[in-house]
N, C-alpha and C. Protein backbone atom coordinates (compact mmCIF):
# COMPACT_ATOMS: atom_id res chain seq x y z
N UNK A 1 132.49 -17.90 -86.46
CA UNK A 1 131.58 -17.87 -87.58
C UNK A 1 130.20 -18.27 -87.11
N UNK A 2 129.16 -17.90 -87.87
CA UNK A 2 127.80 -18.28 -87.58
C UNK A 2 127.36 -19.34 -88.58
N UNK A 3 126.67 -20.36 -88.10
CA UNK A 3 126.13 -21.38 -88.98
C UNK A 3 124.69 -21.04 -89.32
N UNK A 4 124.36 -21.11 -90.59
CA UNK A 4 122.98 -20.92 -90.99
C UNK A 4 122.20 -22.19 -90.70
N UNK A 5 121.11 -22.06 -89.96
CA UNK A 5 120.32 -23.22 -89.59
C UNK A 5 119.43 -23.66 -90.74
N UNK A 6 119.24 -24.96 -90.84
CA UNK A 6 118.30 -25.50 -91.82
C UNK A 6 116.87 -25.20 -91.36
N UNK A 7 115.94 -25.10 -92.29
CA UNK A 7 114.54 -24.89 -91.90
C UNK A 7 114.08 -25.99 -90.95
N UNK A 8 113.45 -25.60 -89.87
CA UNK A 8 112.95 -26.56 -88.90
C UNK A 8 113.95 -27.00 -87.86
N UNK A 9 115.20 -26.56 -87.98
CA UNK A 9 116.22 -26.95 -87.00
C UNK A 9 115.91 -26.33 -85.65
N UNK A 10 116.13 -27.09 -84.58
CA UNK A 10 115.84 -26.62 -83.22
C UNK A 10 117.14 -26.20 -82.55
N UNK A 11 117.25 -24.96 -82.13
CA UNK A 11 118.50 -24.49 -81.50
C UNK A 11 118.90 -25.31 -80.28
N UNK A 12 117.93 -25.74 -79.46
CA UNK A 12 118.28 -26.51 -78.27
C UNK A 12 118.94 -27.85 -78.62
N UNK A 13 118.47 -28.48 -79.71
CA UNK A 13 119.08 -29.72 -80.16
C UNK A 13 120.48 -29.45 -80.72
N UNK A 14 120.61 -28.34 -81.45
CA UNK A 14 121.91 -27.97 -81.99
C UNK A 14 122.92 -27.73 -80.87
N UNK A 15 122.47 -27.10 -79.78
CA UNK A 15 123.37 -26.84 -78.66
C UNK A 15 123.83 -28.14 -78.01
N UNK A 16 122.97 -29.13 -77.94
CA UNK A 16 123.36 -30.43 -77.39
C UNK A 16 124.42 -31.09 -78.27
N UNK A 17 124.24 -31.00 -79.57
CA UNK A 17 125.22 -31.58 -80.50
C UNK A 17 126.56 -30.88 -80.36
N UNK A 18 126.54 -29.56 -80.26
CA UNK A 18 127.78 -28.81 -80.11
C UNK A 18 128.50 -29.17 -78.82
N UNK A 19 127.74 -29.36 -77.75
CA UNK A 19 128.34 -29.73 -76.47
C UNK A 19 128.99 -31.11 -76.56
N UNK A 20 128.32 -32.06 -77.19
CA UNK A 20 128.87 -33.41 -77.35
C UNK A 20 130.15 -33.39 -78.19
N UNK A 21 130.13 -32.64 -79.27
CA UNK A 21 131.32 -32.54 -80.12
C UNK A 21 132.47 -31.88 -79.37
N UNK A 22 132.16 -30.89 -78.55
CA UNK A 22 133.19 -30.22 -77.77
C UNK A 22 133.86 -31.16 -76.78
N UNK A 23 133.07 -32.01 -76.14
CA UNK A 23 133.62 -32.98 -75.18
C UNK A 23 134.54 -33.95 -75.91
N UNK A 24 134.09 -34.48 -77.03
CA UNK A 24 134.91 -35.42 -77.80
C UNK A 24 136.20 -34.76 -78.27
N UNK A 25 136.13 -33.50 -78.64
CA UNK A 25 137.31 -32.79 -79.11
C UNK A 25 138.31 -32.60 -77.97
N UNK A 26 137.81 -32.26 -76.79
CA UNK A 26 138.70 -32.07 -75.64
C UNK A 26 139.39 -33.37 -75.23
N UNK A 27 138.73 -34.51 -75.49
CA UNK A 27 139.28 -35.80 -75.09
C UNK A 27 140.28 -36.37 -76.09
N UNK A 28 140.39 -35.78 -77.25
CA UNK A 28 141.26 -36.34 -78.29
C UNK A 28 142.71 -36.52 -77.86
N UNK A 29 143.36 -35.52 -77.25
CA UNK A 29 144.77 -35.71 -76.87
C UNK A 29 144.99 -36.91 -75.95
N UNK A 30 144.09 -37.09 -74.98
CA UNK A 30 144.23 -38.22 -74.06
C UNK A 30 143.99 -39.55 -74.77
N UNK A 31 143.03 -39.57 -75.69
CA UNK A 31 142.75 -40.80 -76.41
C UNK A 31 143.90 -41.19 -77.34
N UNK A 32 144.65 -40.17 -77.80
CA UNK A 32 145.80 -40.46 -78.67
C UNK A 32 146.93 -41.14 -77.93
N UNK A 33 146.97 -40.92 -76.61
CA UNK A 33 148.00 -41.58 -75.80
C UNK A 33 149.39 -41.06 -76.07
N UNK A 34 150.33 -41.52 -75.23
CA UNK A 34 151.73 -41.10 -75.37
C UNK A 34 152.67 -42.28 -75.52
N UNK A 35 152.13 -43.50 -75.57
CA UNK A 35 152.99 -44.67 -75.69
C UNK A 35 153.46 -44.90 -77.12
N UNK A 36 154.64 -45.50 -77.25
CA UNK A 36 155.18 -45.80 -78.57
C UNK A 36 156.09 -44.71 -79.08
N UNK A 37 156.48 -44.86 -80.32
CA UNK A 37 157.39 -43.89 -80.94
C UNK A 37 156.65 -42.60 -81.27
N UNK A 38 157.41 -41.56 -81.59
CA UNK A 38 156.82 -40.28 -81.97
C UNK A 38 155.89 -40.47 -83.17
N UNK A 39 156.33 -41.27 -84.12
CA UNK A 39 155.53 -41.48 -85.32
C UNK A 39 154.22 -42.19 -84.99
N UNK A 40 154.24 -43.15 -84.08
CA UNK A 40 153.03 -43.86 -83.69
C UNK A 40 152.05 -42.93 -82.97
N UNK A 41 152.57 -42.09 -82.08
CA UNK A 41 151.72 -41.13 -81.38
C UNK A 41 151.10 -40.16 -82.38
N UNK A 42 151.91 -39.67 -83.30
CA UNK A 42 151.40 -38.74 -84.30
C UNK A 42 150.29 -39.38 -85.12
N UNK A 43 150.50 -40.63 -85.56
CA UNK A 43 149.49 -41.31 -86.38
C UNK A 43 148.18 -41.48 -85.62
N UNK A 44 148.25 -41.82 -84.34
CA UNK A 44 147.02 -41.98 -83.55
C UNK A 44 146.28 -40.65 -83.42
N UNK A 45 147.03 -39.59 -83.17
CA UNK A 45 146.38 -38.28 -83.03
C UNK A 45 145.84 -37.78 -84.36
N UNK A 46 146.58 -38.03 -85.41
CA UNK A 46 146.10 -37.64 -86.74
C UNK A 46 144.80 -38.37 -87.08
N UNK A 47 144.81 -39.69 -86.88
CA UNK A 47 143.60 -40.47 -87.17
C UNK A 47 142.44 -40.03 -86.28
N UNK A 48 142.74 -39.76 -85.00
CA UNK A 48 141.69 -39.34 -84.08
C UNK A 48 141.05 -38.04 -84.51
N UNK A 49 141.87 -37.08 -84.93
CA UNK A 49 141.30 -35.78 -85.33
C UNK A 49 140.51 -35.92 -86.62
N UNK A 50 141.01 -36.67 -87.59
CA UNK A 50 140.29 -36.83 -88.85
C UNK A 50 138.96 -37.56 -88.63
N UNK A 51 138.93 -38.52 -87.71
CA UNK A 51 137.68 -39.20 -87.38
C UNK A 51 136.70 -38.23 -86.71
N UNK A 52 137.23 -37.33 -85.86
CA UNK A 52 136.36 -36.34 -85.23
C UNK A 52 135.74 -35.42 -86.28
N UNK A 53 136.53 -35.02 -87.26
CA UNK A 53 136.00 -34.15 -88.32
C UNK A 53 134.88 -34.85 -89.07
N UNK A 54 135.06 -36.14 -89.37
CA UNK A 54 134.00 -36.88 -90.05
C UNK A 54 132.73 -36.93 -89.20
N UNK A 55 132.90 -37.18 -87.90
CA UNK A 55 131.75 -37.19 -87.00
C UNK A 55 131.09 -35.82 -86.95
N UNK A 56 131.89 -34.77 -86.79
CA UNK A 56 131.35 -33.41 -86.70
C UNK A 56 130.63 -33.02 -87.97
N UNK A 57 131.15 -33.42 -89.12
CA UNK A 57 130.51 -33.08 -90.38
C UNK A 57 129.10 -33.66 -90.45
N UNK A 58 128.95 -34.91 -90.02
CA UNK A 58 127.63 -35.52 -90.02
C UNK A 58 126.70 -34.91 -88.99
N UNK A 59 127.22 -34.66 -87.78
CA UNK A 59 126.38 -34.14 -86.71
C UNK A 59 125.95 -32.69 -86.98
N UNK A 60 126.90 -31.85 -87.38
CA UNK A 60 126.55 -30.46 -87.66
C UNK A 60 125.64 -30.35 -88.87
N UNK A 61 125.82 -31.27 -89.82
CA UNK A 61 124.97 -31.25 -91.02
C UNK A 61 123.52 -31.57 -90.73
N UNK A 62 123.23 -32.08 -89.52
CA UNK A 62 121.84 -32.35 -89.15
C UNK A 62 121.03 -31.07 -88.98
N UNK A 63 121.70 -29.98 -88.64
CA UNK A 63 120.94 -28.76 -88.36
C UNK A 63 121.47 -27.53 -89.10
N UNK A 64 122.65 -27.63 -89.72
CA UNK A 64 123.26 -26.44 -90.32
C UNK A 64 123.50 -26.64 -91.81
N UNK A 65 123.64 -25.53 -92.51
CA UNK A 65 123.93 -25.53 -93.93
C UNK A 65 125.26 -26.24 -94.19
N UNK A 66 125.25 -27.19 -95.12
CA UNK A 66 126.45 -27.99 -95.38
C UNK A 66 127.64 -27.15 -95.82
N UNK A 67 127.39 -26.06 -96.51
CA UNK A 67 128.50 -25.20 -96.95
C UNK A 67 129.18 -24.53 -95.77
N UNK A 68 128.38 -24.12 -94.79
CA UNK A 68 128.96 -23.52 -93.58
C UNK A 68 129.76 -24.55 -92.79
N UNK A 69 129.22 -25.76 -92.71
CA UNK A 69 129.90 -26.83 -91.97
C UNK A 69 131.24 -27.14 -92.63
N UNK A 70 131.22 -27.25 -93.95
CA UNK A 70 132.46 -27.56 -94.66
C UNK A 70 133.50 -26.46 -94.47
N UNK A 71 133.06 -25.20 -94.51
CA UNK A 71 133.99 -24.08 -94.33
C UNK A 71 134.59 -24.08 -92.94
N UNK A 72 133.81 -24.49 -91.93
CA UNK A 72 134.33 -24.53 -90.57
C UNK A 72 135.35 -25.64 -90.38
N UNK A 73 135.06 -26.82 -90.92
CA UNK A 73 135.88 -27.99 -90.64
C UNK A 73 137.06 -28.17 -91.59
N UNK A 74 136.84 -27.87 -92.84
CA UNK A 74 137.87 -28.14 -93.84
C UNK A 74 138.76 -26.91 -94.05
N UNK A 75 139.44 -26.54 -93.01
CA UNK A 75 140.36 -25.40 -93.07
C UNK A 75 141.67 -25.83 -93.74
N UNK A 76 142.54 -24.86 -93.97
CA UNK A 76 143.84 -25.20 -94.56
C UNK A 76 144.67 -26.05 -93.60
N UNK A 77 144.43 -25.88 -92.31
CA UNK A 77 145.14 -26.70 -91.33
C UNK A 77 144.61 -28.14 -91.35
N UNK A 78 143.30 -28.30 -91.59
CA UNK A 78 142.76 -29.65 -91.74
C UNK A 78 143.45 -30.37 -92.88
N UNK A 79 143.59 -29.70 -94.02
CA UNK A 79 144.22 -30.35 -95.17
C UNK A 79 145.70 -30.62 -94.91
N UNK A 80 146.34 -29.73 -94.15
CA UNK A 80 147.74 -29.98 -93.80
C UNK A 80 147.85 -31.20 -92.89
N UNK A 81 146.94 -31.35 -91.95
CA UNK A 81 146.93 -32.52 -91.07
C UNK A 81 146.65 -33.78 -91.87
N UNK A 82 145.71 -33.70 -92.78
CA UNK A 82 145.34 -34.86 -93.59
C UNK A 82 146.51 -35.34 -94.44
N UNK A 83 147.29 -34.40 -94.96
CA UNK A 83 148.39 -34.75 -95.86
C UNK A 83 149.70 -34.98 -95.11
N UNK A 84 149.71 -34.77 -93.79
CA UNK A 84 150.96 -34.86 -93.03
C UNK A 84 151.51 -36.29 -93.03
N UNK A 85 152.83 -36.38 -93.03
CA UNK A 85 153.50 -37.68 -93.00
C UNK A 85 154.73 -37.62 -92.12
N UNK A 86 155.59 -38.62 -92.29
CA UNK A 86 156.75 -38.71 -91.40
C UNK A 86 157.77 -37.60 -91.62
N UNK A 87 157.65 -36.88 -92.73
CA UNK A 87 158.59 -35.76 -92.97
C UNK A 87 157.98 -34.41 -92.61
N UNK A 88 156.75 -34.41 -92.10
CA UNK A 88 156.10 -33.15 -91.73
C UNK A 88 156.69 -32.61 -90.43
N UNK A 89 157.21 -31.39 -90.44
CA UNK A 89 157.76 -30.83 -89.20
C UNK A 89 156.66 -30.45 -88.21
N UNK A 90 156.88 -30.75 -86.94
CA UNK A 90 155.98 -30.36 -85.86
C UNK A 90 154.53 -30.78 -86.14
N UNK A 91 154.37 -32.05 -86.47
CA UNK A 91 153.04 -32.56 -86.82
C UNK A 91 152.08 -32.54 -85.65
N UNK A 92 152.53 -32.95 -84.45
CA UNK A 92 151.64 -32.98 -83.29
C UNK A 92 151.19 -31.58 -82.88
N UNK A 93 152.10 -30.58 -82.79
CA UNK A 93 151.64 -29.22 -82.49
C UNK A 93 150.65 -28.69 -83.52
N UNK A 94 150.80 -29.11 -84.78
CA UNK A 94 149.85 -28.70 -85.82
C UNK A 94 148.45 -29.21 -85.48
N UNK A 95 148.35 -30.46 -85.05
CA UNK A 95 147.05 -31.03 -84.68
C UNK A 95 146.50 -30.33 -83.44
N UNK A 96 147.35 -30.13 -82.45
CA UNK A 96 146.90 -29.48 -81.21
C UNK A 96 146.40 -28.07 -81.48
N UNK A 97 147.06 -27.35 -82.36
CA UNK A 97 146.64 -25.99 -82.68
C UNK A 97 145.27 -25.98 -83.34
N UNK A 98 145.03 -26.93 -84.24
CA UNK A 98 143.73 -26.98 -84.90
C UNK A 98 142.64 -27.42 -83.94
N UNK A 99 142.95 -28.29 -83.01
CA UNK A 99 141.97 -28.68 -82.00
C UNK A 99 141.55 -27.46 -81.18
N UNK A 100 142.51 -26.65 -80.77
CA UNK A 100 142.18 -25.45 -79.99
C UNK A 100 141.33 -24.48 -80.82
N UNK A 101 141.66 -24.35 -82.09
CA UNK A 101 140.90 -23.44 -82.95
C UNK A 101 139.46 -23.93 -83.11
N UNK A 102 139.27 -25.24 -83.28
CA UNK A 102 137.92 -25.77 -83.44
C UNK A 102 137.13 -25.67 -82.14
N UNK A 103 137.79 -25.85 -80.99
CA UNK A 103 137.11 -25.68 -79.71
C UNK A 103 136.58 -24.26 -79.57
N UNK A 104 137.40 -23.28 -79.94
CA UNK A 104 136.98 -21.88 -79.87
C UNK A 104 135.82 -21.61 -80.82
N UNK A 105 135.86 -22.21 -82.00
CA UNK A 105 134.79 -22.02 -82.98
C UNK A 105 133.48 -22.61 -82.48
N UNK A 106 133.53 -23.80 -81.89
CA UNK A 106 132.31 -24.41 -81.35
C UNK A 106 131.69 -23.54 -80.27
N UNK A 107 132.53 -22.94 -79.43
CA UNK A 107 132.01 -22.05 -78.38
C UNK A 107 131.35 -20.82 -78.99
N UNK A 108 131.96 -20.25 -80.03
CA UNK A 108 131.37 -19.07 -80.68
C UNK A 108 130.03 -19.42 -81.32
N UNK A 109 129.95 -20.59 -81.96
CA UNK A 109 128.70 -21.00 -82.58
C UNK A 109 127.62 -21.20 -81.53
N UNK A 110 127.98 -21.82 -80.41
CA UNK A 110 127.02 -22.03 -79.33
C UNK A 110 126.53 -20.70 -78.77
N UNK A 111 127.44 -19.74 -78.59
CA UNK A 111 127.04 -18.42 -78.09
C UNK A 111 126.08 -17.74 -79.07
N UNK A 112 126.37 -17.88 -80.36
CA UNK A 112 125.51 -17.28 -81.38
C UNK A 112 124.11 -17.91 -81.34
N UNK A 113 124.05 -19.23 -81.16
CA UNK A 113 122.75 -19.91 -81.09
C UNK A 113 121.96 -19.46 -79.87
N UNK A 114 122.65 -19.30 -78.75
CA UNK A 114 121.96 -18.85 -77.54
C UNK A 114 121.39 -17.44 -77.73
N UNK A 115 122.15 -16.58 -78.41
CA UNK A 115 121.63 -15.23 -78.67
C UNK A 115 120.42 -15.29 -79.59
N UNK A 116 120.45 -16.20 -80.56
CA UNK A 116 119.29 -16.35 -81.44
C UNK A 116 118.07 -16.81 -80.65
N UNK A 117 118.29 -17.76 -79.72
CA UNK A 117 117.18 -18.21 -78.88
C UNK A 117 116.60 -17.06 -78.07
N UNK A 118 117.47 -16.23 -77.50
CA UNK A 118 117.01 -15.10 -76.71
C UNK A 118 116.19 -14.13 -77.55
N UNK A 119 116.68 -13.87 -78.78
CA UNK A 119 115.94 -12.96 -79.65
C UNK A 119 114.58 -13.55 -80.03
N UNK A 120 114.57 -14.87 -80.29
CA UNK A 120 113.31 -15.50 -80.69
C UNK A 120 112.31 -15.52 -79.54
N UNK A 121 112.82 -15.64 -78.31
CA UNK A 121 111.93 -15.71 -77.15
C UNK A 121 111.41 -14.35 -76.72
N UNK A 122 112.09 -13.29 -77.13
CA UNK A 122 111.66 -11.95 -76.73
C UNK A 122 110.33 -11.62 -77.39
N UNK A 123 109.47 -10.95 -76.62
CA UNK A 123 108.17 -10.59 -77.16
C UNK A 123 108.25 -9.30 -77.97
N UNK A 124 107.12 -8.92 -78.51
CA UNK A 124 107.04 -7.65 -79.20
C UNK A 124 106.80 -7.76 -80.69
N UNK A 125 106.21 -6.73 -81.23
CA UNK A 125 105.99 -6.63 -82.67
C UNK A 125 107.34 -6.38 -83.35
N UNK A 126 107.61 -7.09 -84.43
CA UNK A 126 108.89 -6.96 -85.13
C UNK A 126 108.77 -5.94 -86.26
N UNK A 127 109.69 -4.98 -86.26
CA UNK A 127 109.79 -4.01 -87.36
C UNK A 127 111.21 -4.09 -87.91
N UNK A 128 111.34 -4.25 -89.21
CA UNK A 128 112.64 -4.40 -89.85
C UNK A 128 113.10 -3.05 -90.40
N UNK A 129 114.27 -2.63 -90.00
CA UNK A 129 114.85 -1.38 -90.48
C UNK A 129 115.55 -1.63 -91.80
N UNK A 130 115.39 -0.71 -92.74
CA UNK A 130 116.16 -0.84 -93.98
C UNK A 130 117.10 0.35 -94.13
N UNK A 131 118.03 0.22 -95.06
CA UNK A 131 119.07 1.23 -95.23
C UNK A 131 118.49 2.58 -95.62
N UNK A 132 117.49 2.58 -96.49
CA UNK A 132 116.91 3.83 -96.97
C UNK A 132 116.34 4.62 -95.79
N UNK A 133 115.64 3.94 -94.90
CA UNK A 133 115.07 4.61 -93.73
C UNK A 133 116.16 5.19 -92.85
N UNK A 134 117.22 4.41 -92.62
CA UNK A 134 118.27 4.85 -91.72
C UNK A 134 119.07 6.02 -92.28
N UNK A 135 119.20 6.06 -93.60
CA UNK A 135 120.02 7.10 -94.21
C UNK A 135 119.27 8.42 -94.41
N UNK A 136 117.97 8.35 -94.64
CA UNK A 136 117.28 9.55 -95.13
C UNK A 136 116.13 10.04 -94.25
N UNK A 137 115.79 9.30 -93.21
CA UNK A 137 114.68 9.72 -92.38
C UNK A 137 115.12 9.92 -90.94
N UNK A 138 114.17 10.07 -90.03
CA UNK A 138 114.50 10.34 -88.64
C UNK A 138 115.31 9.20 -88.03
N UNK A 139 116.19 9.52 -87.08
CA UNK A 139 116.91 8.45 -86.37
C UNK A 139 115.90 7.54 -85.68
N UNK A 140 116.15 6.24 -85.66
CA UNK A 140 115.17 5.30 -85.07
C UNK A 140 114.79 5.64 -83.64
N UNK A 141 115.75 6.18 -82.86
CA UNK A 141 115.43 6.45 -81.46
C UNK A 141 114.46 7.61 -81.28
N UNK A 142 114.19 8.38 -82.33
CA UNK A 142 113.27 9.50 -82.21
C UNK A 142 111.86 9.16 -82.71
N UNK A 143 111.66 7.95 -83.17
CA UNK A 143 110.36 7.53 -83.73
C UNK A 143 109.51 6.89 -82.63
N UNK A 144 108.25 7.24 -82.59
CA UNK A 144 107.31 6.62 -81.66
C UNK A 144 106.82 5.32 -82.32
N UNK A 145 107.60 4.25 -82.12
CA UNK A 145 107.32 2.99 -82.81
C UNK A 145 106.01 2.35 -82.34
N UNK A 146 105.69 2.49 -81.07
CA UNK A 146 104.45 1.89 -80.58
C UNK A 146 103.24 2.48 -81.30
N UNK A 147 103.26 3.79 -81.49
CA UNK A 147 102.16 4.44 -82.19
C UNK A 147 102.17 4.08 -83.67
N UNK A 148 103.37 3.99 -84.23
CA UNK A 148 103.49 3.73 -85.66
C UNK A 148 102.95 2.35 -86.04
N UNK A 149 103.28 1.33 -85.25
CA UNK A 149 102.86 -0.03 -85.59
C UNK A 149 101.71 -0.52 -84.71
N UNK A 150 101.21 0.37 -83.84
CA UNK A 150 100.08 0.04 -82.98
C UNK A 150 100.36 -1.19 -82.12
N UNK A 151 101.47 -1.14 -81.37
CA UNK A 151 101.84 -2.24 -80.49
C UNK A 151 102.52 -1.68 -79.25
N UNK A 152 102.30 -2.32 -78.10
CA UNK A 152 102.89 -1.85 -76.86
C UNK A 152 104.40 -2.10 -76.80
N UNK A 153 104.84 -3.19 -77.42
CA UNK A 153 106.25 -3.56 -77.38
C UNK A 153 106.74 -3.80 -78.80
N UNK A 154 107.88 -3.19 -79.14
CA UNK A 154 108.39 -3.24 -80.51
C UNK A 154 109.83 -3.71 -80.50
N UNK A 155 110.15 -4.61 -81.41
CA UNK A 155 111.53 -5.06 -81.60
C UNK A 155 111.99 -4.61 -82.97
N UNK A 156 113.12 -3.87 -83.01
CA UNK A 156 113.67 -3.39 -84.28
C UNK A 156 114.78 -4.32 -84.72
N UNK A 157 114.68 -4.82 -85.93
CA UNK A 157 115.67 -5.73 -86.48
C UNK A 157 116.46 -5.05 -87.59
N UNK A 158 117.78 -5.21 -87.53
CA UNK A 158 118.66 -4.69 -88.58
C UNK A 158 119.34 -5.89 -89.25
N UNK A 159 118.92 -6.26 -90.45
CA UNK A 159 119.54 -7.40 -91.13
C UNK A 159 121.03 -7.17 -91.34
N UNK A 160 121.80 -8.26 -91.33
CA UNK A 160 123.25 -8.16 -91.42
C UNK A 160 123.70 -7.49 -92.71
N UNK A 161 123.03 -7.79 -93.83
CA UNK A 161 123.49 -7.20 -95.08
C UNK A 161 123.23 -5.70 -95.10
N UNK A 162 122.20 -5.23 -94.36
CA UNK A 162 121.99 -3.78 -94.24
C UNK A 162 123.12 -3.16 -93.42
N UNK A 163 123.55 -3.87 -92.37
CA UNK A 163 124.64 -3.35 -91.54
C UNK A 163 125.91 -3.19 -92.37
N UNK A 164 126.19 -4.16 -93.26
CA UNK A 164 127.38 -4.04 -94.11
C UNK A 164 127.28 -2.83 -95.03
N UNK A 165 126.08 -2.57 -95.53
CA UNK A 165 125.89 -1.40 -96.39
C UNK A 165 126.09 -0.11 -95.61
N UNK A 166 125.63 -0.09 -94.36
CA UNK A 166 125.82 1.09 -93.52
C UNK A 166 127.30 1.32 -93.23
N UNK A 167 128.04 0.24 -92.99
CA UNK A 167 129.47 0.38 -92.75
C UNK A 167 130.16 0.98 -93.98
N UNK A 168 129.71 0.56 -95.16
CA UNK A 168 130.27 1.12 -96.40
C UNK A 168 129.98 2.62 -96.48
N UNK A 169 128.77 3.00 -96.11
CA UNK A 169 128.41 4.41 -96.14
C UNK A 169 129.24 5.22 -95.15
N UNK A 170 129.51 4.63 -93.98
CA UNK A 170 130.31 5.32 -92.98
C UNK A 170 131.72 5.61 -93.50
N UNK A 171 132.25 4.71 -94.31
CA UNK A 171 133.61 4.90 -94.82
C UNK A 171 133.68 5.93 -95.93
N UNK A 172 132.53 6.31 -96.49
CA UNK A 172 132.49 7.28 -97.56
C UNK A 172 132.41 8.68 -96.95
N UNK A 173 133.54 9.34 -96.81
CA UNK A 173 133.59 10.62 -96.11
C UNK A 173 132.93 11.75 -96.88
N UNK A 174 132.59 11.54 -98.14
CA UNK A 174 132.00 12.61 -98.94
C UNK A 174 130.48 12.50 -99.02
N UNK A 175 129.92 11.53 -98.34
CA UNK A 175 128.49 11.31 -98.42
C UNK A 175 127.81 11.94 -97.20
N UNK A 176 126.81 12.78 -97.45
CA UNK A 176 126.14 13.47 -96.35
C UNK A 176 125.45 12.49 -95.41
N UNK A 177 124.84 11.47 -95.99
CA UNK A 177 124.19 10.47 -95.15
C UNK A 177 125.20 9.72 -94.30
N UNK A 178 126.38 9.50 -94.86
CA UNK A 178 127.42 8.82 -94.08
C UNK A 178 127.83 9.67 -92.88
N UNK A 179 127.91 11.00 -93.08
CA UNK A 179 128.27 11.86 -91.96
C UNK A 179 127.20 11.79 -90.87
N UNK A 180 125.97 11.68 -91.29
CA UNK A 180 124.89 11.55 -90.31
C UNK A 180 125.03 10.25 -89.52
N UNK A 181 125.40 9.18 -90.22
CA UNK A 181 125.59 7.91 -89.53
C UNK A 181 126.77 7.97 -88.58
N UNK A 182 127.86 8.61 -89.02
CA UNK A 182 129.05 8.68 -88.17
C UNK A 182 128.76 9.48 -86.90
N UNK A 183 127.78 10.38 -86.98
CA UNK A 183 127.46 11.17 -85.79
C UNK A 183 126.86 10.31 -84.69
N UNK A 184 126.32 9.15 -85.07
CA UNK A 184 125.81 8.21 -84.07
C UNK A 184 126.86 7.14 -83.87
N UNK A 185 128.01 7.55 -83.38
CA UNK A 185 129.16 6.65 -83.29
C UNK A 185 128.94 5.49 -82.36
N UNK A 186 127.96 5.55 -81.47
CA UNK A 186 127.72 4.43 -80.54
C UNK A 186 127.05 3.25 -81.20
N UNK A 187 126.60 3.41 -82.44
CA UNK A 187 125.91 2.32 -83.12
C UNK A 187 126.91 1.48 -83.86
N UNK A 188 127.18 0.27 -83.39
CA UNK A 188 128.13 -0.63 -84.02
C UNK A 188 127.44 -1.89 -84.46
N UNK A 189 128.18 -2.81 -85.07
CA UNK A 189 127.57 -4.03 -85.58
C UNK A 189 126.86 -4.85 -84.52
N UNK A 190 127.32 -4.79 -83.26
CA UNK A 190 126.70 -5.61 -82.23
C UNK A 190 126.04 -4.75 -81.15
N UNK A 191 125.82 -3.47 -81.44
CA UNK A 191 125.22 -2.59 -80.44
C UNK A 191 123.71 -2.63 -80.55
N UNK A 192 123.03 -2.36 -79.45
CA UNK A 192 121.58 -2.18 -79.51
C UNK A 192 121.31 -0.93 -80.33
N UNK A 193 120.48 -1.05 -81.34
CA UNK A 193 120.36 0.05 -82.29
C UNK A 193 119.48 1.17 -81.75
N UNK A 194 118.53 0.83 -80.89
CA UNK A 194 117.57 1.84 -80.46
C UNK A 194 117.67 2.08 -78.96
N UNK A 195 117.80 3.35 -78.60
CA UNK A 195 117.68 3.76 -77.21
C UNK A 195 116.47 4.68 -77.13
N UNK A 196 115.32 4.19 -76.63
CA UNK A 196 114.08 4.97 -76.69
C UNK A 196 114.18 6.24 -75.86
N UNK A 197 113.63 7.33 -76.34
CA UNK A 197 113.61 8.56 -75.56
C UNK A 197 112.73 8.41 -74.34
N UNK A 198 112.88 9.35 -73.40
CA UNK A 198 112.17 9.24 -72.12
C UNK A 198 110.66 9.13 -72.31
N UNK A 199 110.12 9.84 -73.30
CA UNK A 199 108.67 9.85 -73.44
C UNK A 199 108.12 8.52 -73.94
N UNK A 200 108.98 7.64 -74.44
CA UNK A 200 108.50 6.37 -74.97
C UNK A 200 109.11 5.18 -74.24
N UNK A 201 109.62 5.38 -73.02
CA UNK A 201 110.22 4.27 -72.29
C UNK A 201 109.22 3.16 -72.03
N UNK A 202 107.96 3.50 -71.89
CA UNK A 202 106.95 2.48 -71.61
C UNK A 202 106.76 1.54 -72.78
N UNK A 203 107.25 1.93 -73.95
CA UNK A 203 107.12 1.07 -75.13
C UNK A 203 108.03 -0.15 -75.03
N UNK A 204 109.11 -0.04 -74.21
CA UNK A 204 110.10 -1.11 -74.09
C UNK A 204 110.60 -1.52 -75.47
N UNK A 205 111.06 -0.55 -76.22
CA UNK A 205 111.58 -0.81 -77.56
C UNK A 205 112.92 -1.50 -77.45
N UNK A 206 113.10 -2.60 -78.13
CA UNK A 206 114.37 -3.31 -78.16
C UNK A 206 115.04 -3.14 -79.51
N UNK A 207 116.33 -2.95 -79.51
CA UNK A 207 117.09 -2.92 -80.75
C UNK A 207 117.88 -4.19 -80.89
N UNK A 208 117.64 -4.94 -82.00
CA UNK A 208 118.29 -6.22 -82.17
C UNK A 208 118.77 -6.35 -83.60
N UNK A 209 119.97 -6.90 -83.78
CA UNK A 209 120.45 -7.19 -85.12
C UNK A 209 120.00 -8.56 -85.54
N UNK A 210 119.59 -8.71 -86.78
CA UNK A 210 119.19 -10.02 -87.28
C UNK A 210 120.29 -10.67 -88.03
């Protein structure tokens, strides 16, 4: 999942927080120890994971939307761990499974933040593509964007909600515009949207999803 950043949040600081949380998460099994009865080990690991969630909620809330943070941390497995007791079957594997899932999620969020940093650092005039343009006018790769916006370097942005609308159009087999979109089968949710023609290679047009 992607976390929506709060206004003014710094991606580099967010990446440091994610790295710290990841280290603490990886250390949880060892901190829980193996001494004592099965029930004692389970209780230590349960308490350790719930404490990590509380820490993560506060740390992630420093830079991300609280609703996104809650959705990431308060999964159905979190509630199962929270409510688990001595009659819960396979309680420790339940905790271990959720730890692995959260580790994977932290890595995905960090990758997403790094991509955002790369997009923000890239130069060029930004032009936002909308659905109407994509459905009814020339394909973006055939437009001389440098001439159109009077800039040597152009970055084309496709907002996520526009991409969802385009996917809906692609599924509509009776729509002429959808057939036109399907003809450009190489354009996917994470694909570079623009491949500049040879005559405009000097423009260094970049296709980026927002």
